[in-house]
Amino acid sequence: METSPSRTALVTSLMRALHSRSDPSPLLDDPWGDRLVSQSERDAMRQRILARMDSDARARALRTPDSILEQFLLTNAAYPGVVIRSRYAEDALREATVRGVRQYVLIGAGFDSFALRRPAFSDIVEIFEIDHPATQTMKIQRIRECGITLPSSVHFIAADLAREDLATVLARSSFRKDEPTFFSWLGVTVYLTREANLATLRAVAACGAPGSELVFTYVDQIEFGPGGGRLLHNLNAQAVATLGEPYVSGFDPGEIANDLSRAGLALIEDLDGREMSERFARAGTNMLQPPASLHIALARAGAGP
């Protein structure tokens, strides 16, 4: 049973903060990663990075020790997708609130800082963060250590979704099943089996009233097949596997609409890495270019065939 906070959740939090302060035209204003991730956790990350280097690379890195973690984050294959997926989800959420959506459920919330940043449009939104107890406990502790008191509209629900279904988890809160809801499920599907992913899609359709929406990320299933391997064998995949969070499965982009339909959802949009980069291109920077095999999709409940 998992007893430690997700290390990938800690890393992605730092990625968002680094983007906010280093990109010439940032997609996000998210300084919270530098506060939510403790110094001891950052020191431990730095030591793990050094441990994977050969002796020459380690000696070079130690000449500028303060930049070791930052360079790791900037050159990580996941960095562009982490930034873009957050911006995409929040743009879609903003549009959903215009249509009257008043509930936001983050499945596998990790160290997402939306509840701390609270853009103006979110003042009317009830926020429900669902995550594994080990990760969520650390996050709540760090929020308290930062001296932050969150409003009553923010709800933390600790749950292991490998053992408990989404409907049961939400039933423990003030979540209203009869109200349209916006769900985000970012950076999670790649770590789950296909069966677990399909079960979550069905659960979102069952929990969300008609008009509810889901934004989620996935990796092209071809990367996991005999002819794939570009993702499975790159340094990023190897790194997260050593953290105990290996990549497991993806979806076929040619079948994603059918997968969603069978789950009770209708595909609204599906962008691959190139399309994500084009959508959020900014003059003067070429940093945000996710792998082509990474996808972000928007689906809607109650709108399928």
C-alpha atoms as a PDB file:
ATOM      1  CA  MET A   1       0.000   0.000   0.000  1.00  0.00           C
ATOM      2  CA  GLU A   2       1.274   3.465  -0.907  1.00  0.00           C
ATOM      3  CA  THR A   3       2.517   5.333   2.147  1.00  0.00           C
ATOM      4  CA  SER A   4       4.655   8.074   0.583  1.00  0.00           C
ATOM      5  CA  PRO A   5       3.469  11.185  -1.280  1.00  0.00           C
ATOM      6  CA  SER A   6       3.642  11.020  -5.058  1.00  0.00           C
ATOM      7  CA  ARG A   7       7.057  12.243  -6.151  1.00  0.00           C
ATOM      8  CA  THR A   8       5.808  13.020  -9.643  1.00  0.00           C
ATOM      9  CA  ALA A   9       3.146  15.287  -8.088  1.00  0.00           C
ATOM     10  CA  LEU A  10       5.900  17.175  -6.269  1.00  0.00           C
ATOM     11  CA  VAL A  11       7.931  17.504  -9.458  1.00  0.00           C
ATOM     12  CA  THR A  12       5.029  18.800 -11.543  1.00  0.00           C
ATOM     13  CA  SER A  13       4.268  21.399  -8.891  1.00  0.00           C
ATOM     14  CA  LEU A  14       7.818  22.719  -9.185  1.00  0.00           C
ATOM     15  CA  MET A  15       7.540  22.689 -12.986  1.00  0.00           C
ATOM     16  CA  ARG A  16       4.532  25.003 -12.932  1.00  0.00           C
ATOM     17  CA  ALA A  17       6.279  27.414 -10.572  1.00  0.00           C
ATOM     18  CA  LEU A  18       9.473  27.381 -12.642  1.00  0.00           C
ATOM     19  CA  HIS A  19       7.518  28.137 -15.813  1.00  0.00           C
ATOM     20  CA  SER A  20       5.746  31.035 -14.113  1.00  0.00           C
ATOM     21  CA  ARG A  21       8.985  32.765 -13.179  1.00  0.00           C
ATOM     22  CA  SER A  22      11.284  31.800 -16.050  1.00  0.00           C
ATOM     23  CA  ASP A  23       9.261  31.814 -19.271  1.00  0.00           C
ATOM     24  CA  PRO A  24       9.221  35.203 -21.067  1.00  0.00           C
ATOM     25  CA  SER A  25       5.480  34.826 -21.685  1.00  0.00           C
ATOM     26  CA  PRO A  26       4.147  32.344 -19.125  1.00  0.00           C
ATOM     27  CA  LEU A  27       0.848  30.549 -19.626  1.00  0.00           C
ATOM     28  CA  LEU A  28       0.339  30.366 -15.859  1.00  0.00           C
ATOM     29  CA  ASP A  29       0.907  32.595 -12.874  1.00  0.00           C
ATOM     30  CA  ASP A  30       1.596  29.833 -10.387  1.00  0.00           C
ATOM     31  CA  PRO A  31       4.258  30.556  -7.756  1.00  0.00           C
ATOM     32  CA  TRP A  32       2.925  27.956  -5.350  1.00  0.00           C
ATOM     33  CA  GLY A  33       5.183  25.075  -6.307  1.00  0.00           C
ATOM     34  CA  ASP A  34       8.077  26.842  -4.649  1.00  0.00           C
ATOM     35  CA  ARG A  35       6.055  27.032  -1.423  1.00  0.00           C
ATOM     36  CA  LEU A  36       4.141  23.747  -1.400  1.00  0.00           C
ATOM     37  CA  VAL A  37       7.274  21.654  -1.957  1.00  0.00           C
ATOM     38  CA  SER A  38       9.439  21.807   1.136  1.00  0.00           C
ATOM     39  CA  GLN A  39      13.158  22.473   1.067  1.00  0.00           C
ATOM     40  CA  SER A  40      13.841  18.968   2.361  1.00  0.00           C
ATOM     41  CA  GLU A  41      11.896  17.467  -0.545  1.00  0.00           C
ATOM     42  CA  ARG A  42      13.793  19.643  -3.031  1.00  0.00           C
ATOM     43  CA  ASP A  43      17.104  18.607  -1.474  1.00  0.00           C
ATOM     44  CA  ALA A  44      16.091  14.943  -1.763  1.00  0.00           C
ATOM     45  CA  MET A  45      15.194  15.440  -5.440  1.00  0.00           C
ATOM     46  CA  ARG A  46      18.570  17.035  -6.071  1.00  0.00           C
ATOM     47  CA  GLN A  47      20.333  14.072  -4.510  1.00  0.00           C
ATOM     48  CA  ARG A  48      18.350  11.601  -6.630  1.00  0.00           C
ATOM     49  CA  ILE A  49      19.249  13.548  -9.771  1.00  0.00           C
ATOM     50  CA  LEU A  50      22.946  13.504  -8.865  1.00  0.00           C
ATOM     51  CA  ALA A  51      22.808   9.787  -8.092  1.00  0.00           C
ATOM     52  CA  ARG A  52      21.698   9.025 -11.659  1.00  0.00           C
ATOM     53  CA  MET A  53      24.619  10.939 -13.200  1.00  0.00           C
ATOM     54  CA  ASP A  54      27.980   9.491 -14.101  1.00  0.00           C
ATOM     55  CA  SER A  55      30.986  10.862 -12.232  1.00  0.00           C
ATOM     56  CA  ASP A  56      31.911  13.476 -14.864  1.00  0.00           C
ATOM     57  CA  ALA A  57      28.377  14.833 -15.191  1.00  0.00           C
ATOM     58  CA  ARG A  58      28.059  14.929 -11.410  1.00  0.00           C
ATOM     59  CA  ALA A  59      31.267  16.918 -11.058  1.00  0.00           C
ATOM     60  CA  ARG A  60      30.063  19.453 -13.647  1.00  0.00           C
ATOM     61  CA  ALA A  61      26.657  19.763 -11.996  1.00  0.00           C
ATOM     62  CA  LEU A  62      28.164  20.375  -8.575  1.00  0.00           C
ATOM     63  CA  ARG A  63      29.952  23.466  -9.886  1.00  0.00           C
ATOM     64  CA  THR A  64      26.529  25.161  -9.917  1.00  0.00           C
ATOM     65  CA  PRO A  65      24.530  23.160  -7.367  1.00  0.00           C
ATOM     66  CA  ASP A  66      21.673  25.675  -7.197  1.00  0.00           C
ATOM     67  CA  SER A  67      20.824  25.021 -10.850  1.00  0.00           C
ATOM     68  CA  ILE A  68      20.748  21.198 -10.691  1.00  0.00           C
ATOM     69  CA  LEU A  69      17.046  20.885  -9.964  1.00  0.00           C
ATOM     70  CA  GLU A  70      16.033  23.710 -12.276  1.00  0.00           C
ATOM     71  CA  GLN A  71      17.919  22.230 -15.234  1.00  0.00           C
ATOM     72  CA  PHE A  72      16.379  18.832 -14.555  1.00  0.00           C
ATOM     73  CA  LEU A  73      12.887  20.343 -14.630  1.00  0.00           C
ATOM     74  CA  LEU A  74      13.456  22.460 -17.748  1.00  0.00           C
ATOM     75  CA  THR A  75      14.904  19.571 -19.754  1.00  0.00           C
ATOM     76  CA  ASN A  76      12.398  16.960 -18.571  1.00  0.00           C
ATOM     77  CA  ALA A  77      10.224  15.628 -21.394  1.00  0.00           C
ATOM     78  CA  ALA A  78       7.118  16.103 -19.240  1.00  0.00           C
ATOM     79  CA  TYR A  79       7.670  19.828 -18.611  1.00  0.00           C
ATOM     80  CA  PRO A  80       5.819  21.305 -21.627  1.00  0.00           C
ATOM     81  CA  GLY A  81       2.808  19.041 -21.177  1.00  0.00           C
ATOM     82  CA  VAL A  82       2.547  19.793 -17.454  1.00  0.00           C
ATOM     83  CA  VAL A  83       2.311  23.518 -18.150  1.00  0.00           C
ATOM     84  CA  ILE A  84      -0.051  23.314 -21.120  1.00  0.00           C
ATOM     85  CA  ARG A  85      -2.443  20.829 -19.532  1.00  0.00           C
ATOM     86  CA  SER A  86      -2.974  23.152 -16.557  1.00  0.00           C
ATOM     87  CA  ARG A  87      -3.688  26.141 -18.799  1.00  0.00           C
ATOM     88  CA  TYR A  88      -5.975  24.111 -21.062  1.00  0.00           C
ATOM     89  CA  ALA A  89      -7.981  22.758 -18.125  1.00  0.00           C
ATOM     90  CA  GLU A  90      -8.400  26.176 -16.538  1.00  0.00           C
ATOM     91  CA  ASP A  91      -9.487  27.743 -19.842  1.00  0.00           C
ATOM     92  CA  ALA A  92     -12.096  25.006 -20.249  1.00  0.00           C
ATOM     93  CA  LEU A  93     -13.216  25.425 -16.639  1.00  0.00           C
ATOM     94  CA  ARG A  94     -13.640  29.168 -17.141  1.00  0.00           C
ATOM     95  CA  GLU A  95     -15.870  28.530 -20.157  1.00  0.00           C
ATOM     96  CA  ALA A  96     -17.849  25.952 -18.172  1.00  0.00           C
ATOM     97  CA  THR A  97     -18.592  28.457 -15.407  1.00  0.00           C
ATOM     98  CA  VAL A  98     -20.075  30.796 -18.014  1.00  0.00           C
ATOM     99  CA  ARG A  99     -22.552  28.004 -18.802  1.00  0.00           C
ATOM    100  CA  GLY A 100     -23.446  27.695 -15.130  1.00  0.00           C
ATOM    101  CA  VAL A 101     -21.091  24.974 -13.837  1.00  0.00           C
ATOM    102  CA  ARG A 102     -20.436  25.521 -10.141  1.00  0.00           C
ATOM    103  CA  GLN A 103     -18.500  22.386  -9.084  1.00  0.00           C
ATOM    104  CA  TYR A 104     -14.903  21.491  -9.899  1.00  0.00           C
ATOM    105  CA  VAL A 105     -13.548  18.016  -9.084  1.00  0.00           C
ATOM    106  CA  LEU A 106      -9.802  17.381  -9.400  1.00  0.00           C
ATOM    107  CA  ILE A 107      -9.175  13.633  -9.669  1.00  0.00           C
ATOM    108  CA  GLY A 108      -5.612  12.943  -8.550  1.00  0.00           C
ATOM    109  CA  ALA A 109      -5.165  16.593  -7.578  1.00  0.00           C
ATOM    110  CA  GLY A 110      -1.584  16.211  -6.394  1.00  0.00           C
ATOM    111  CA  PHE A 111      -0.091  19.609  -5.561  1.00  0.00           C
ATOM    112  CA  ASP A 112      -2.274  21.534  -7.991  1.00  0.00           C
ATOM    113  CA  SER A 113      -2.557  25.097  -6.703  1.00  0.00           C
ATOM    114  CA  PHE A 114      -5.830  26.219  -8.284  1.00  0.00           C
ATOM    115  CA  ALA A 115      -7.565  26.312  -4.892  1.00  0.00           C
ATOM    116  CA  LEU A 116      -4.802  28.611  -3.627  1.00  0.00           C
ATOM    117  CA  ARG A 117      -4.629  30.914  -6.643  1.00  0.00           C
ATOM    118  CA  ARG A 118      -8.423  31.186  -7.073  1.00  0.00           C
ATOM    119  CA  PRO A 119      -8.802  33.188 -10.308  1.00  0.00           C
ATOM    120  CA  ALA A 120     -11.680  35.654 -10.103  1.00  0.00           C
ATOM    121  CA  PHE A 121     -14.025  33.460 -12.134  1.00  0.00           C
ATOM    122  CA  SER A 122     -13.674  30.652  -9.575  1.00  0.00           C
ATOM    123  CA  ASP A 123     -15.151  32.543  -6.624  1.00  0.00           C
ATOM    124  CA  ILE A 124     -18.515  30.874  -7.237  1.00  0.00           C
ATOM    125  CA  VAL A 125     -17.065  27.373  -7.651  1.00  0.00           C
ATOM    126  CA  GLU A 126     -17.029  24.589  -5.065  1.00  0.00           C
ATOM    127  CA  ILE A 127     -13.681  22.777  -5.375  1.00  0.00           C
ATOM    128  CA  PHE A 128     -13.262  19.085  -4.519  1.00  0.00           C
ATOM    129  CA  GLU A 129      -9.727  17.690  -4.469  1.00  0.00           C
ATOM    130  CA  ILE A 130      -9.429  13.894  -4.500  1.00  0.00           C
ATOM    131  CA  ASP A 131      -6.080  12.228  -3.963  1.00  0.00           C
ATOM    132  CA  HIS A 132      -4.285   9.446  -2.150  1.00  0.00           C
ATOM    133  CA  PRO A 133      -4.094  10.107   1.612  1.00  0.00           C
ATOM    134  CA  ALA A 134      -0.278  10.217   1.683  1.00  0.00           C
ATOM    135  CA  THR A 135      -0.064  12.926  -0.978  1.00  0.00           C
ATOM    136  CA  GLN A 136      -3.042  14.898   0.256  1.00  0.00           C
ATOM    137  CA  THR A 137      -1.846  14.876   3.880  1.00  0.00           C
ATOM    138  CA  MET A 138       1.487  16.402   2.878  1.00  0.00           C
ATOM    139  CA  LYS A 139      -0.248  19.044   0.778  1.00  0.00           C
ATOM    140  CA  ILE A 140      -2.592  20.090   3.576  1.00  0.00           C
ATOM    141  CA  GLN A 141       0.335  20.217   5.997  1.00  0.00           C
ATOM    142  CA  ARG A 142       2.324  22.454   3.653  1.00  0.00           C
ATOM    143  CA  ILE A 143      -0.660  24.779   3.166  1.00  0.00           C
ATOM    144  CA  ARG A 144      -0.912  25.164   6.938  1.00  0.00           C
ATOM    145  CA  GLU A 145       2.837  25.716   7.262  1.00  0.00           C
ATOM    146  CA  CYS A 146       2.520  28.508   4.700  1.00  0.00           C
ATOM    147  CA  GLY A 147      -0.038  30.154   6.968  1.00  0.00           C
ATOM    148  CA  ILE A 148      -2.869  29.806   4.467  1.00  0.00           C
ATOM    149  CA  THR A 149      -6.492  29.276   5.482  1.00  0.00           C
ATOM    150  CA  LEU A 150      -8.640  28.082   2.598  1.00  0.00           C
ATOM    151  CA  PRO A 151     -12.309  29.056   2.228  1.00  0.00           C
ATOM    152  CA  SER A 152     -15.081  26.600   3.065  1.00  0.00           C
ATOM    153  CA  SER A 153     -15.686  26.110  -0.658  1.00  0.00           C
ATOM    154  CA  VAL A 154     -12.513  23.968  -0.880  1.00  0.00           C
ATOM    155  CA  HIS A 155     -13.000  20.320   0.059  1.00  0.00           C
ATOM    156  CA  PHE A 156     -10.256  17.690   0.447  1.00  0.00           C
ATOM    157  CA  ILE A 157     -11.313  14.065   0.043  1.00  0.00           C
ATOM    158  CA  ALA A 158      -8.620  11.485   0.781  1.00  0.00           C
ATOM    159  CA  ALA A 159      -9.129   8.299  -1.212  1.00  0.00           C
ATOM    160  CA  ASP A 160      -7.329   5.461  -2.929  1.00  0.00           C
ATOM    161  CA  LEU A 161      -9.255   5.182  -6.199  1.00  0.00           C
ATOM    162  CA  ALA A 162      -7.639   1.816  -6.829  1.00  0.00           C
ATOM    163  CA  ARG A 163      -9.719   0.515  -3.920  1.00  0.00           C
ATOM    164  CA  GLU A 164     -12.754   2.807  -3.925  1.00  0.00           C
ATOM    165  CA  ASP A 165     -14.947   4.077  -6.767  1.00  0.00           C
ATOM    166  CA  LEU A 166     -15.389   7.763  -7.530  1.00  0.00           C
ATOM    167  CA  ALA A 167     -19.110   7.867  -6.686  1.00  0.00           C
ATOM    168  CA  THR A 168     -18.496   6.472  -3.208  1.00  0.00           C
ATOM    169  CA  VAL A 169     -15.677   8.935  -2.633  1.00  0.00           C
ATOM    170  CA  LEU A 170     -17.730  11.956  -3.670  1.00  0.00           C
ATOM    171  CA  ALA A 171     -20.661  10.756  -1.551  1.00  0.00           C
ATOM    172  CA  ARG A 172     -18.516  11.448   1.532  1.00  0.00           C
ATOM    173  CA  SER A 173     -18.574  15.158   0.697  1.00  0.00           C
ATOM    174  CA  SER A 174     -21.074  17.908  -0.070  1.00  0.00           C
ATOM    175  CA  PHE A 175     -20.767  17.169  -3.795  1.00  0.00           C
ATOM    176  CA  ARG A 176     -24.115  17.435  -5.581  1.00  0.00           C
ATOM    177  CA  LYS A 177     -24.635  14.739  -8.172  1.00  0.00           C
ATOM    178  CA  ASP A 178     -27.574  16.604  -9.710  1.00  0.00           C
ATOM    179  CA  GLU A 179     -25.441  19.650 -10.578  1.00  0.00           C
ATOM    180  CA  PRO A 180     -23.262  19.922 -13.726  1.00  0.00           C
ATOM    181  CA  THR A 181     -19.622  19.522 -12.775  1.00  0.00           C
ATOM    182  CA  PHE A 182     -16.222  20.115 -14.327  1.00  0.00           C
ATOM    183  CA  PHE A 183     -13.749  17.265 -13.754  1.00  0.00           C
ATOM    184  CA  SER A 184     -10.003  17.364 -14.391  1.00  0.00           C
ATOM    185  CA  TRP A 185      -7.857  14.242 -14.520  1.00  0.00           C
ATOM    186  CA  LEU A 186      -4.378  15.383 -15.470  1.00  0.00           C
ATOM    187  CA  GLY A 187      -1.204  13.324 -15.712  1.00  0.00           C
ATOM    188  CA  VAL A 188      -2.846  10.225 -14.268  1.00  0.00           C
ATOM    189  CA  THR A 189      -4.062   7.808 -16.961  1.00  0.00           C
ATOM    190  CA  VAL A 190      -0.551   6.796 -18.005  1.00  0.00           C
ATOM    191  CA  TYR A 191       0.019   5.278 -14.547  1.00  0.00           C
ATOM    192  CA  LEU A 192      -3.156   3.145 -14.575  1.00  0.00           C
ATOM    193  CA  THR A 193      -4.271   0.019 -16.407  1.00  0.00           C
ATOM    194  CA  ARG A 194      -6.720   0.355 -19.261  1.00  0.00           C
ATOM    195  CA  GLU A 195      -9.412  -1.276 -17.120  1.00  0.00           C
ATOM    196  CA  ALA A 196      -8.880   1.255 -14.328  1.00  0.00           C
ATOM    197  CA  ASN A 197      -8.978   4.157 -16.799  1.00  0.00           C
ATOM    198  CA  LEU A 198     -12.213   2.974 -18.394  1.00  0.00           C
ATOM    199  CA  ALA A 199     -13.763   2.488 -14.952  1.00  0.00           C
ATOM    200  CA  THR A 200     -12.924   6.085 -14.043  1.00  0.00           C
ATOM    201  CA  LEU A 201     -14.448   7.383 -17.280  1.00  0.00           C
ATOM    202  CA  ARG A 202     -17.650   5.489 -16.524  1.00  0.00           C
ATOM    203  CA  ALA A 203     -17.642   6.854 -12.992  1.00  0.00           C
ATOM    204  CA  VAL A 204     -17.300  10.445 -14.226  1.00  0.00           C
ATOM    205  CA  ALA A 205     -20.253   9.922 -16.568  1.00  0.00           C
ATOM    206  CA  ALA A 206     -22.290   8.430 -13.731  1.00  0.00           C
ATOM    207  CA  CYS A 207     -21.421  11.146 -11.215  1.00  0.00           C
ATOM    208  CA  GLY A 208     -21.742  14.120 -13.537  1.00  0.00           C
ATOM    209  CA  ALA A 209     -25.153  15.543 -14.385  1.00  0.00           C
ATOM    210  CA  PRO A 210     -25.835  16.207 -18.097  1.00  0.00           C
ATOM    211  CA  GLY A 211     -23.581  18.999 -19.305  1.00  0.00           C
ATOM    212  CA  SER A 212     -20.712  18.007 -17.010  1.00  0.00           C
ATOM    213  CA  GLU A 213     -17.272  18.027 -18.627  1.00  0.00           C
ATOM    214  CA  LEU A 214     -13.986  16.185 -18.187  1.00  0.00           C
ATOM    215  CA  VAL A 215     -10.497  17.243 -19.243  1.00  0.00           C
ATOM    216  CA  PHE A 216      -7.910  14.472 -19.150  1.00  0.00           C
ATOM    217  CA  THR A 217      -4.512  13.630 -20.553  1.00  0.00           C
ATOM    218  CA  TYR A 218      -3.361  10.384 -22.124  1.00  0.00           C
ATOM    219  CA  VAL A 219      -0.517   8.920 -24.158  1.00  0.00           C
ATOM    220  CA  ASP A 220      -0.959   7.302 -27.568  1.00  0.00           C
ATOM    221  CA  GLN A 221      -1.194   3.542 -26.999  1.00  0.00           C
ATOM    222  CA  ILE A 222       1.227   2.920 -29.873  1.00  0.00           C
ATOM    223  CA  GLU A 223       4.011   3.904 -27.489  1.00  0.00           C
ATOM    224  CA  PHE A 224       3.283   0.795 -25.431  1.00  0.00           C
ATOM    225  CA  GLY A 225       3.153  -1.679 -28.327  1.00  0.00           C
ATOM    226  CA  PRO A 226       5.842  -3.765 -30.048  1.00  0.00           C
ATOM    227  CA  GLY A 227       6.463  -1.022 -32.581  1.00  0.00           C
ATOM    228  CA  GLY A 228       6.548   1.763 -30.006  1.00  0.00           C
ATOM    229  CA  GLY A 229       8.953   2.278 -27.187  1.00  0.00           C
ATOM    230  CA  ARG A 230       9.972   5.858 -27.896  1.00  0.00           C
ATOM    231  CA  LEU A 231       8.219   6.982 -24.748  1.00  0.00           C
ATOM    232  CA  LEU A 232       8.620   3.858 -22.678  1.00  0.00           C
ATOM    233  CA  HIS A 233      12.368   3.914 -23.053  1.00  0.00           C
ATOM    234  CA  ASN A 234      13.086   7.617 -22.862  1.00  0.00           C
ATOM    235  CA  LEU A 235      14.854   9.028 -19.835  1.00  0.00           C
ATOM    236  CA  ASN A 236      11.706  10.516 -18.361  1.00  0.00           C
ATOM    237  CA  ALA A 237       9.845   7.188 -18.350  1.00  0.00           C
ATOM    238  CA  GLN A 238      12.851   5.476 -16.797  1.00  0.00           C
ATOM    239  CA  ALA A 239      13.108   8.197 -14.156  1.00  0.00           C
ATOM    240  CA  VAL A 240       9.493   7.987 -12.999  1.00  0.00           C
ATOM    241  CA  ALA A 241       9.726   4.195 -12.962  1.00  0.00           C
ATOM    242  CA  THR A 242      12.604   4.447 -10.483  1.00  0.00           C
ATOM    243  CA  LEU A 243      10.300   6.566  -8.310  1.00  0.00           C
ATOM    244  CA  GLY A 244       7.853   3.677  -8.136  1.00  0.00           C
ATOM    245  CA  GLU A 245       5.408   5.291 -10.578  1.00  0.00           C
ATOM    246  CA  PRO A 246       5.951   3.480 -13.913  1.00  0.00           C
ATOM    247  CA  TYR A 247       4.028   4.199 -17.107  1.00  0.00           C
ATOM    248  CA  VAL A 248       1.402   1.505 -17.681  1.00  0.00           C
ATOM    249  CA  SER A 249      -1.063   2.235 -20.489  1.00  0.00           C
ATOM    250  CA  GLY A 250      -2.478   4.673 -23.020  1.00  0.00           C
ATOM    251  CA  PHE A 251      -5.396   5.111 -25.397  1.00  0.00           C
ATOM    252  CA  ASP A 252      -5.674   4.769 -29.176  1.00  0.00           C
ATOM    253  CA  PRO A 253      -6.480   8.262 -30.553  1.00  0.00           C
ATOM    254  CA  GLY A 254      -8.441   6.593 -33.354  1.00  0.00           C
ATOM    255  CA  GLU A 255     -10.646   4.861 -30.788  1.00  0.00           C
ATOM    256  CA  ILE A 256     -10.834   7.442 -28.011  1.00  0.00           C
ATOM    257  CA  ALA A 257     -14.237   8.748 -29.171  1.00  0.00           C
ATOM    258  CA  ASN A 258     -15.628   5.202 -29.078  1.00  0.00           C
ATOM    259  CA  ASP A 259     -14.055   4.509 -25.679  1.00  0.00           C
ATOM    260  CA  LEU A 260     -15.661   7.657 -24.297  1.00  0.00           C
ATOM    261  CA  SER A 261     -19.020   6.927 -25.907  1.00  0.00           C
ATOM    262  CA  ARG A 262     -19.140   3.464 -24.372  1.00  0.00           C
ATOM    263  CA  ALA A 263     -18.398   5.083 -21.002  1.00  0.00           C
ATOM    264  CA  GLY A 264     -21.245   7.572 -21.424  1.00  0.00           C
ATOM    265  CA  LEU A 265     -19.220  10.580 -22.556  1.00  0.00           C
ATOM    266  CA  ALA A 266     -18.938  12.454 -25.849  1.00  0.00           C
ATOM    267  CA  LEU A 267     -15.572  13.619 -27.196  1.00  0.00           C
ATOM    268  CA  ILE A 268     -15.527  17.380 -27.758  1.00  0.00           C
ATOM    269  CA  GLU A 269     -11.839  17.881 -28.562  1.00  0.00           C
ATOM    270  CA  ASP A 270      -8.612  15.888 -28.641  1.00  0.00           C
ATOM    271  CA  LEU A 271      -5.258  17.616 -29.140  1.00  0.00           C
ATOM    272  CA  ASP A 272      -1.944  15.849 -29.640  1.00  0.00           C
ATOM    273  CA  GLY A 273       1.355  17.348 -28.539  1.00  0.00           C
ATOM    274  CA  ARG A 274       1.894  19.314 -31.756  1.00  0.00           C
ATOM    275  CA  GLU A 275      -1.618  20.761 -31.638  1.00  0.00           C
ATOM    276  CA  MET A 276      -1.194  21.643 -27.979  1.00  0.00           C
ATOM    277  CA  SER A 277       1.976  23.553 -28.802  1.00  0.00           C
ATOM    278  CA  GLU A 278       0.292  25.390 -31.683  1.00  0.00           C
ATOM    279  CA  ARG A 279      -2.706  26.313 -29.547  1.00  0.00           C
ATOM    280  CA  PHE A 280      -0.583  27.906 -26.857  1.00  0.00           C
ATOM    281  CA  ALA A 281       2.345  29.200 -28.872  1.00  0.00           C
ATOM    282  CA  ARG A 282       3.944  32.378 -27.543  1.00  0.00           C
ATOM    283  CA  ALA A 283       6.260  34.712 -29.439  1.00  0.00           C
ATOM    284  CA  GLY A 284       9.870  34.484 -28.396  1.00  0.00           C
ATOM    285  CA  THR A 285       9.773  31.074 -26.778  1.00  0.00           C
ATOM    286  CA  ASN A 286       9.996  27.528 -28.105  1.00  0.00           C
ATOM    287  CA  MET A 287      10.034  25.783 -24.748  1.00  0.00           C
ATOM    288  CA  LEU A 288       6.527  24.364 -24.766  1.00  0.00           C
ATOM    289  CA  GLN A 289       6.647  21.517 -27.262  1.00  0.00           C
ATOM    290  CA  PRO A 290       5.153  18.350 -25.758  1.00  0.00           C
ATOM    291  CA  PRO A 291       5.838  14.951 -27.345  1.00  0.00           C
ATOM    292  CA  ALA A 292       3.457  14.318 -30.246  1.00  0.00           C
ATOM    293  CA  SER A 293       2.193  11.189 -28.492  1.00  0.00           C
ATOM    294  CA  LEU A 294       0.855  13.185 -25.541  1.00  0.00           C
ATOM    295  CA  HIS A 295      -2.842  14.098 -25.800  1.00  0.00           C
ATOM    296  CA  ILE A 296      -5.291  16.266 -23.903  1.00  0.00           C
ATOM    297  CA  ALA A 297      -8.983  15.645 -24.415  1.00  0.00           C
ATOM    298  CA  LEU A 298     -12.249  17.337 -23.478  1.00  0.00           C
ATOM    299  CA  ALA A 299     -15.393  15.224 -23.087  1.00  0.00           C
ATOM    300  CA  ARG A 300     -18.967  15.970 -22.064  1.00  0.00           C
ATOM    301  CA  ALA A 301     -21.565  13.950 -20.208  1.00  0.00           C
ATOM    302  CA  GLY A 302     -25.130  13.666 -21.467  1.00  0.00           C
ATOM    303  CA  ALA A 303     -24.150  14.671 -24.997  1.00  0.00           C
ATOM    304  CA  GLY A 304     -23.198  11.319 -26.475  1.00  0.00           C
ATOM    305  CA  PRO A 305     -25.106   9.076 -28.871  1.00  0.00           C
END
